[in-house]
Amino acid sequence: MTFSLVARCERTGMFGIAISSSSPAVAARCAHARAGVGAVASQNVTDPALGPLGLDLMEQGLGAPDAVAELRRRGAFMDYRQVLAVDAAGASAIHSGPNALGIWSEALAPNVAAGGNLLAGDGVPQAIVDAFLAAQGHLGDRLIAALRAGLAAGGEAGPVHSAGMKIVDRLSWPLADLRCDWTEACPVEAVAHAWDVYKPQMAAYVQRALDPRAAPSYGVPGDE
């Protein structure tokens, strides 16, 4: 029902997650990231509480493998859950319960983890990881490239309807948090288009938050 990746930019230390699903508003429930700490995807018969708990555990000093092991110990009905995590050192880890839906699989590399369930084939996560590692540019560009690669490799067994991408940097709020909560078209491309629009303006939104006196013009009627 879902395929996703969590990732760390080795150059900047940013964390991100990109995700798509046949379910509505997948990113609202499944995408979790915290600046300086890591990123977690909690999916497949989702328990959204696992995301913040995983981030808390990593903020307390556990690496991603130990944090995921602790989630496995503490969480309820973990046989039904799939959890992906990456930490501030670039270590990655995945828990996939045996009751994950349909064809499910996972793939790991330094700074990235990908997983999915109800997939068209078990090679989808590896295609996502390979595309992320091969991509260049901003973390957001690499996340979009990876999600597109998962879709091209078959994605879900059926059509996807929602997608999202979240990126955190040095601040307590996301640098980017883009979502398509439902569409009969392609939600991955909807998020990719939103990224194309948002990326050139992203630094200005940060500046407006930190010091609006130095912010560029809003570019709306009446703004001088």
C-alpha atoms as a PDB file:
ATOM      1  CA  MET A   1       0.000   0.000   0.000  1.00  0.00           C
ATOM      2  CA  THR A   2       3.076   2.259   0.359  1.00  0.00           C
ATOM      3  CA  PHE A   3       6.645   2.763  -0.831  1.00  0.00           C
ATOM      4  CA  SER A   4       9.050   5.247   0.671  1.00  0.00           C
ATOM      5  CA  LEU A   5      12.591   6.236   1.525  1.00  0.00           C
ATOM      6  CA  VAL A   6      14.240   8.049   4.401  1.00  0.00           C
ATOM      7  CA  ALA A   7      17.563   9.707   3.695  1.00  0.00           C
ATOM      8  CA  ARG A   8      20.366  11.904   4.986  1.00  0.00           C
ATOM      9  CA  CYS A   9      22.396  14.296   2.859  1.00  0.00           C
ATOM     10  CA  GLU A  10      26.006  13.515   3.717  1.00  0.00           C
ATOM     11  CA  ARG A  11      27.137  16.960   2.504  1.00  0.00           C
ATOM     12  CA  THR A  12      24.634  19.169   4.363  1.00  0.00           C
ATOM     13  CA  GLY A  13      23.294  16.987   7.174  1.00  0.00           C
ATOM     14  CA  MET A  14      19.708  17.539   6.013  1.00  0.00           C
ATOM     15  CA  PHE A  15      17.200  14.723   6.489  1.00  0.00           C
ATOM     16  CA  GLY A  16      14.324  13.886   4.205  1.00  0.00           C
ATOM     17  CA  ILE A  17      11.584  11.440   3.468  1.00  0.00           C
ATOM     18  CA  ALA A  18       9.590  10.804   0.313  1.00  0.00           C
ATOM     19  CA  ILE A  19       6.583   8.520   0.213  1.00  0.00           C
ATOM     20  CA  SER A  20       3.657   7.456  -1.969  1.00  0.00           C
ATOM     21  CA  SER A  21       0.609   5.273  -1.423  1.00  0.00           C
ATOM     22  CA  SER A  22      -2.776   4.193  -2.701  1.00  0.00           C
ATOM     23  CA  SER A  23      -4.183   5.518   0.597  1.00  0.00           C
ATOM     24  CA  PRO A  24      -5.147   9.184   1.037  1.00  0.00           C
ATOM     25  CA  ALA A  25      -2.838  11.675   2.781  1.00  0.00           C
ATOM     26  CA  VAL A  26      -0.056   9.159   3.363  1.00  0.00           C
ATOM     27  CA  ALA A  27       2.534  11.781   4.315  1.00  0.00           C
ATOM     28  CA  ALA A  28       0.289  13.161   7.060  1.00  0.00           C
ATOM     29  CA  ARG A  29       0.536   9.853   8.947  1.00  0.00           C
ATOM     30  CA  CYS A  30       3.810   8.313   7.881  1.00  0.00           C
ATOM     31  CA  ALA A  31       6.502  10.990   7.345  1.00  0.00           C
ATOM     32  CA  HIS A  32       8.564  12.077  10.363  1.00  0.00           C
ATOM     33  CA  ALA A  33      11.858  13.992  10.471  1.00  0.00           C
ATOM     34  CA  ARG A  34      13.718  16.121  12.983  1.00  0.00           C
ATOM     35  CA  ALA A  35      16.644  18.423  12.250  1.00  0.00           C
ATOM     36  CA  GLY A  36      19.948  17.132  13.590  1.00  0.00           C
ATOM     37  CA  VAL A  37      18.353  13.834  14.619  1.00  0.00           C
ATOM     38  CA  GLY A  38      17.049  11.756  11.729  1.00  0.00           C
ATOM     39  CA  ALA A  39      14.068  10.647   9.694  1.00  0.00           C
ATOM     40  CA  VAL A  40      11.528   7.872  10.253  1.00  0.00           C
ATOM     41  CA  ALA A  41       8.800   6.405   8.062  1.00  0.00           C
ATOM     42  CA  SER A  42       6.092   4.442   9.865  1.00  0.00           C
ATOM     43  CA  GLN A  43       3.913   2.601   7.367  1.00  0.00           C
ATOM     44  CA  ASN A  44       1.835  -0.523   6.603  1.00  0.00           C
ATOM     45  CA  VAL A  45      -1.205  -0.600   8.900  1.00  0.00           C
ATOM     46  CA  THR A  46       0.307   2.587  10.237  1.00  0.00           C
ATOM     47  CA  ASP A  47       0.904   3.571  13.845  1.00  0.00           C
ATOM     48  CA  PRO A  48       1.888   7.258  13.503  1.00  0.00           C
ATOM     49  CA  ALA A  49       3.165   7.304  17.101  1.00  0.00           C
ATOM     50  CA  LEU A  50       6.161   5.194  16.072  1.00  0.00           C
ATOM     51  CA  GLY A  51       7.637   8.094  14.099  1.00  0.00           C
ATOM     52  CA  PRO A  52       8.006  10.613  16.947  1.00  0.00           C
ATOM     53  CA  LEU A  53       9.049   7.850  19.337  1.00  0.00           C
ATOM     54  CA  GLY A  54      11.784   6.722  16.956  1.00  0.00           C
ATOM     55  CA  LEU A  55      13.033  10.296  16.634  1.00  0.00           C
ATOM     56  CA  ASP A  56      12.982  10.707  20.428  1.00  0.00           C
ATOM     57  CA  LEU A  57      15.071   7.570  20.822  1.00  0.00           C
ATOM     58  CA  MET A  58      17.634   8.792  18.302  1.00  0.00           C
ATOM     59  CA  GLU A  59      17.719  12.231  19.928  1.00  0.00           C
ATOM     60  CA  GLN A  60      18.468  10.474  23.220  1.00  0.00           C
ATOM     61  CA  GLY A  61      21.539   8.895  21.628  1.00  0.00           C
ATOM     62  CA  LEU A  62      20.439   5.631  20.030  1.00  0.00           C
ATOM     63  CA  GLY A  63      21.550   4.972  16.475  1.00  0.00           C
ATOM     64  CA  ALA A  64      18.947   3.983  13.908  1.00  0.00           C
ATOM     65  CA  PRO A  65      19.473   0.202  14.309  1.00  0.00           C
ATOM     66  CA  ASP A  66      19.094   0.359  18.094  1.00  0.00           C
ATOM     67  CA  ALA A  67      16.174   2.781  17.849  1.00  0.00           C
ATOM     68  CA  VAL A  68      14.338   0.449  15.482  1.00  0.00           C
ATOM     69  CA  ALA A  69      15.112  -2.494  17.777  1.00  0.00           C
ATOM     70  CA  GLU A  70      13.628  -0.531  20.681  1.00  0.00           C
ATOM     71  CA  LEU A  71      10.539   0.300  18.634  1.00  0.00           C
ATOM     72  CA  ARG A  72      10.196  -3.394  17.892  1.00  0.00           C
ATOM     73  CA  ARG A  73      10.319  -4.072  21.638  1.00  0.00           C
ATOM     74  CA  ARG A  74       7.984  -1.273  22.747  1.00  0.00           C
ATOM     75  CA  GLY A  75       5.531  -1.003  19.892  1.00  0.00           C
ATOM     76  CA  ALA A  76       2.150  -2.707  19.694  1.00  0.00           C
ATOM     77  CA  PHE A  77       1.298  -5.127  16.880  1.00  0.00           C
ATOM     78  CA  MET A  78       4.762  -4.766  15.366  1.00  0.00           C
ATOM     79  CA  ASP A  79       4.144  -7.838  13.200  1.00  0.00           C
ATOM     80  CA  TYR A  80       1.907  -5.533  11.136  1.00  0.00           C
ATOM     81  CA  ARG A  81       4.249  -2.517  10.996  1.00  0.00           C
ATOM     82  CA  GLN A  82       6.996  -1.383   8.684  1.00  0.00           C
ATOM     83  CA  VAL A  83       9.427   1.240  10.042  1.00  0.00           C
ATOM     84  CA  LEU A  84      12.382   2.844   8.257  1.00  0.00           C
ATOM     85  CA  ALA A  85      14.965   5.062  10.002  1.00  0.00           C
ATOM     86  CA  VAL A  86      18.175   6.952   9.283  1.00  0.00           C
ATOM     87  CA  ASP A  87      20.250   8.737  11.922  1.00  0.00           C
ATOM     88  CA  ALA A  88      22.703  11.624  12.193  1.00  0.00           C
ATOM     89  CA  ALA A  89      25.674   9.360  11.503  1.00  0.00           C
ATOM     90  CA  GLY A  90      24.060   8.024   8.325  1.00  0.00           C
ATOM     91  CA  ALA A  91      23.248   4.585   9.747  1.00  0.00           C
ATOM     92  CA  SER A  92      19.975   3.158   8.471  1.00  0.00           C
ATOM     93  CA  ALA A  93      17.646   0.430   9.675  1.00  0.00           C
ATOM     94  CA  ILE A  94      14.300  -1.164   8.813  1.00  0.00           C
ATOM     95  CA  HIS A  95      11.745  -3.276  10.607  1.00  0.00           C
ATOM     96  CA  SER A  96       9.286  -5.150   8.394  1.00  0.00           C
ATOM     97  CA  GLY A  97       6.804  -7.263  10.292  1.00  0.00           C
ATOM     98  CA  PRO A  98       5.847 -10.646   8.819  1.00  0.00           C
ATOM     99  CA  ASN A  99       2.238  -9.503   8.451  1.00  0.00           C
ATOM    100  CA  ALA A 100       3.164  -6.633   6.142  1.00  0.00           C
ATOM    101  CA  LEU A 101       0.713  -6.555   3.257  1.00  0.00           C
ATOM    102  CA  GLY A 102       1.227  -8.265  -0.085  1.00  0.00           C
ATOM    103  CA  ILE A 103       4.701  -8.290  -1.616  1.00  0.00           C
ATOM    104  CA  TRP A 104       6.930  -6.342   0.746  1.00  0.00           C
ATOM    105  CA  SER A 105      10.655  -5.727   0.710  1.00  0.00           C
ATOM    106  CA  GLU A 106      13.354  -3.356   1.851  1.00  0.00           C
ATOM    107  CA  ALA A 107      16.791  -2.043   0.895  1.00  0.00           C
ATOM    108  CA  LEU A 108      19.522  -0.313   2.884  1.00  0.00           C
ATOM    109  CA  ALA A 109      22.670   1.687   2.219  1.00  0.00           C
ATOM    110  CA  PRO A 110      24.594   4.318   4.170  1.00  0.00           C
ATOM    111  CA  ASN A 111      22.418   7.436   4.499  1.00  0.00           C
ATOM    112  CA  VAL A 112      19.301   5.855   2.982  1.00  0.00           C
ATOM    113  CA  ALA A 113      16.663   3.187   3.608  1.00  0.00           C
ATOM    114  CA  ALA A 114      13.737   2.253   1.368  1.00  0.00           C
ATOM    115  CA  GLY A 115      10.829  -0.083   1.899  1.00  0.00           C
ATOM    116  CA  GLY A 116       7.371  -0.887   0.701  1.00  0.00           C
ATOM    117  CA  ASN A 117       4.380  -3.173   0.909  1.00  0.00           C
ATOM    118  CA  LEU A 118       1.708  -4.287  -1.545  1.00  0.00           C
ATOM    119  CA  LEU A 119       4.396  -3.758  -4.152  1.00  0.00           C
ATOM    120  CA  ALA A 120       4.311  -4.714  -7.805  1.00  0.00           C
ATOM    121  CA  GLY A 121       7.614  -6.536  -7.229  1.00  0.00           C
ATOM    122  CA  ASP A 122      10.252  -6.989  -4.558  1.00  0.00           C
ATOM    123  CA  GLY A 123      12.868  -4.981  -6.476  1.00  0.00           C
ATOM    124  CA  VAL A 124      11.157  -1.622  -5.933  1.00  0.00           C
ATOM    125  CA  PRO A 125      13.050  -0.590  -2.760  1.00  0.00           C
ATOM    126  CA  GLN A 126      16.436  -1.415  -4.272  1.00  0.00           C
ATOM    127  CA  ALA A 127      15.567   0.676  -7.326  1.00  0.00           C
ATOM    128  CA  ILE A 128      14.735   3.552  -4.971  1.00  0.00           C
ATOM    129  CA  VAL A 129      18.036   3.254  -3.089  1.00  0.00           C
ATOM    130  CA  ASP A 130      20.060   2.953  -6.296  1.00  0.00           C
ATOM    131  CA  ALA A 131      18.413   6.054  -7.750  1.00  0.00           C
ATOM    132  CA  PHE A 132      18.983   8.073  -4.587  1.00  0.00           C
ATOM    133  CA  LEU A 133      22.673   7.155  -4.502  1.00  0.00           C
ATOM    134  CA  ALA A 134      23.092   7.970  -8.192  1.00  0.00           C
ATOM    135  CA  ALA A 135      21.245  11.297  -8.106  1.00  0.00           C
ATOM    136  CA  GLN A 136      22.955  14.675  -7.745  1.00  0.00           C
ATOM    137  CA  GLY A 137      21.914  18.055  -6.403  1.00  0.00           C
ATOM    138  CA  HIS A 138      19.764  19.155  -3.480  1.00  0.00           C
ATOM    139  CA  LEU A 139      18.405  16.481  -1.176  1.00  0.00           C
ATOM    140  CA  GLY A 140      14.913  17.281  -2.487  1.00  0.00           C
ATOM    141  CA  ASP A 141      16.014  16.586  -6.061  1.00  0.00           C
ATOM    142  CA  ARG A 142      17.472  13.256  -4.976  1.00  0.00           C
ATOM    143  CA  LEU A 143      14.333  12.285  -3.056  1.00  0.00           C
ATOM    144  CA  ILE A 144      12.140  13.032  -6.077  1.00  0.00           C
ATOM    145  CA  ALA A 145      14.468  11.059  -8.370  1.00  0.00           C
ATOM    146  CA  ALA A 146      14.323   8.096  -6.007  1.00  0.00           C
ATOM    147  CA  LEU A 147      10.540   8.158  -5.671  1.00  0.00           C
ATOM    148  CA  ARG A 148      10.176   8.360  -9.450  1.00  0.00           C
ATOM    149  CA  ALA A 149      12.510   5.372  -9.777  1.00  0.00           C
ATOM    150  CA  GLY A 150      10.340   3.380  -7.395  1.00  0.00           C
ATOM    151  CA  LEU A 151       7.297   4.218  -9.490  1.00  0.00           C
ATOM    152  CA  ALA A 152       9.131   3.282 -12.686  1.00  0.00           C
ATOM    153  CA  ALA A 153      10.159  -0.048 -11.133  1.00  0.00           C
ATOM    154  CA  GLY A 154       6.483  -0.886 -10.620  1.00  0.00           C
ATOM    155  CA  GLY A 155       5.649   0.923  -7.401  1.00  0.00           C
ATOM    156  CA  GLU A 156       2.519  -0.395  -5.790  1.00  0.00           C
ATOM    157  CA  ALA A 157       0.567  -3.266  -7.263  1.00  0.00           C
ATOM    158  CA  GLY A 158      -2.286  -0.816  -7.912  1.00  0.00           C
ATOM    159  CA  PRO A 159      -2.527   2.917  -8.601  1.00  0.00           C
ATOM    160  CA  VAL A 160      -1.110   5.396  -6.102  1.00  0.00           C
ATOM    161  CA  HIS A 161      -3.190   8.396  -5.040  1.00  0.00           C
ATOM    162  CA  SER A 162      -1.127  10.358  -2.514  1.00  0.00           C
ATOM    163  CA  ALA A 163       2.506  11.310  -1.991  1.00  0.00           C
ATOM    164  CA  GLY A 164       4.659  13.630   0.050  1.00  0.00           C
ATOM    165  CA  MET A 165       8.168  14.892   0.680  1.00  0.00           C
ATOM    166  CA  LYS A 166       9.504  16.374   3.910  1.00  0.00           C
ATOM    167  CA  ILE A 167      12.958  17.898   4.422  1.00  0.00           C
ATOM    168  CA  VAL A 168      14.436  19.266   7.646  1.00  0.00           C
ATOM    169  CA  ASP A 169      17.597  21.284   8.057  1.00  0.00           C
ATOM    170  CA  ARG A 170      18.837  23.341  11.030  1.00  0.00           C
ATOM    171  CA  LEU A 171      15.495  24.681  12.228  1.00  0.00           C
ATOM    172  CA  SER A 172      12.712  23.279  14.389  1.00  0.00           C
ATOM    173  CA  TRP A 173      10.276  23.360  11.456  1.00  0.00           C
ATOM    174  CA  PRO A 174      10.558  21.676   8.048  1.00  0.00           C
ATOM    175  CA  LEU A 175      12.540  23.314   5.281  1.00  0.00           C
ATOM    176  CA  ALA A 176      10.000  21.770   2.890  1.00  0.00           C
ATOM    177  CA  ASP A 177       6.808  19.833   3.559  1.00  0.00           C
ATOM    178  CA  LEU A 178       5.028  19.154   0.278  1.00  0.00           C
ATOM    179  CA  ARG A 179       2.031  16.870  -0.145  1.00  0.00           C
ATOM    180  CA  CYS A 180      -0.537  15.654  -2.594  1.00  0.00           C
ATOM    181  CA  ASP A 181      -3.220  14.116  -0.394  1.00  0.00           C
ATOM    182  CA  TRP A 182      -5.392  12.669  -3.184  1.00  0.00           C
ATOM    183  CA  THR A 183      -5.427  12.624  -6.950  1.00  0.00           C
ATOM    184  CA  GLU A 184      -6.607  10.336  -9.722  1.00  0.00           C
ATOM    185  CA  ALA A 185      -3.530  11.457 -11.669  1.00  0.00           C
ATOM    186  CA  CYS A 186       0.053  10.850 -10.487  1.00  0.00           C
ATOM    187  CA  PRO A 187       0.721  12.115  -6.955  1.00  0.00           C
ATOM    188  CA  VAL A 188       4.477  11.662  -7.334  1.00  0.00           C
ATOM    189  CA  GLU A 189       4.505  14.075 -10.269  1.00  0.00           C
ATOM    190  CA  ALA A 190       2.234  16.459  -8.371  1.00  0.00           C
ATOM    191  CA  VAL A 191       4.781  16.609  -5.537  1.00  0.00           C
ATOM    192  CA  ALA A 192       7.632  16.904  -8.051  1.00  0.00           C
ATOM    193  CA  HIS A 193       5.890  19.903  -9.633  1.00  0.00           C
ATOM    194  CA  ALA A 194       5.322  21.482  -6.222  1.00  0.00           C
ATOM    195  CA  TRP A 195       9.038  21.033  -5.506  1.00  0.00           C
ATOM    196  CA  ASP A 196       9.953  22.732  -8.780  1.00  0.00           C
ATOM    197  CA  VAL A 197       7.822  25.723  -7.746  1.00  0.00           C
ATOM    198  CA  TYR A 198       8.891  25.783  -4.088  1.00  0.00           C
ATOM    199  CA  LYS A 199      12.633  25.173  -4.396  1.00  0.00           C
ATOM    200  CA  PRO A 200      13.541  28.616  -5.856  1.00  0.00           C
ATOM    201  CA  GLN A 201      11.569  30.339  -3.062  1.00  0.00           C
ATOM    202  CA  MET A 202      12.693  28.116  -0.195  1.00  0.00           C
ATOM    203  CA  ALA A 203      15.579  30.254   1.087  1.00  0.00           C
ATOM    204  CA  ALA A 204      13.342  33.338   1.079  1.00  0.00           C
ATOM    205  CA  TYR A 205      10.800  31.625   3.338  1.00  0.00           C
ATOM    206  CA  VAL A 206      13.583  30.768   5.773  1.00  0.00           C
ATOM    207  CA  GLN A 207      14.804  34.361   5.679  1.00  0.00           C
ATOM    208  CA  ARG A 208      11.302  35.697   6.347  1.00  0.00           C
ATOM    209  CA  ALA A 209      11.134  33.544   9.463  1.00  0.00           C
ATOM    210  CA  LEU A 210      14.578  34.435  10.778  1.00  0.00           C
ATOM    211  CA  ASP A 211      14.608  38.166   9.952  1.00  0.00           C
ATOM    212  CA  PRO A 212      11.754  39.612   7.896  1.00  0.00           C
ATOM    213  CA  ARG A 213      13.561  42.958   7.628  1.00  0.00           C
ATOM    214  CA  ALA A 214      16.000  41.362   5.178  1.00  0.00           C
ATOM    215  CA  ALA A 215      13.392  39.283   3.377  1.00  0.00           C
ATOM    216  CA  PRO A 216      12.825  39.758  -0.350  1.00  0.00           C
ATOM    217  CA  SER A 217       9.582  41.158  -1.697  1.00  0.00           C
ATOM    218  CA  TYR A 218       6.555  38.936  -1.390  1.00  0.00           C
ATOM    219  CA  GLY A 219       5.687  39.646  -4.994  1.00  0.00           C
ATOM    220  CA  VAL A 220       1.963  40.099  -4.359  1.00  0.00           C
ATOM    221  CA  PRO A 221      -0.260  43.067  -5.250  1.00  0.00           C
ATOM    222  CA  GLY A 222       0.294  45.975  -2.902  1.00  0.00           C
ATOM    223  CA  ASP A 223       3.723  44.759  -1.742  1.00  0.00           C
ATOM    224  CA  GLU A 224       6.456  47.284  -2.491  1.00  0.00           C
END
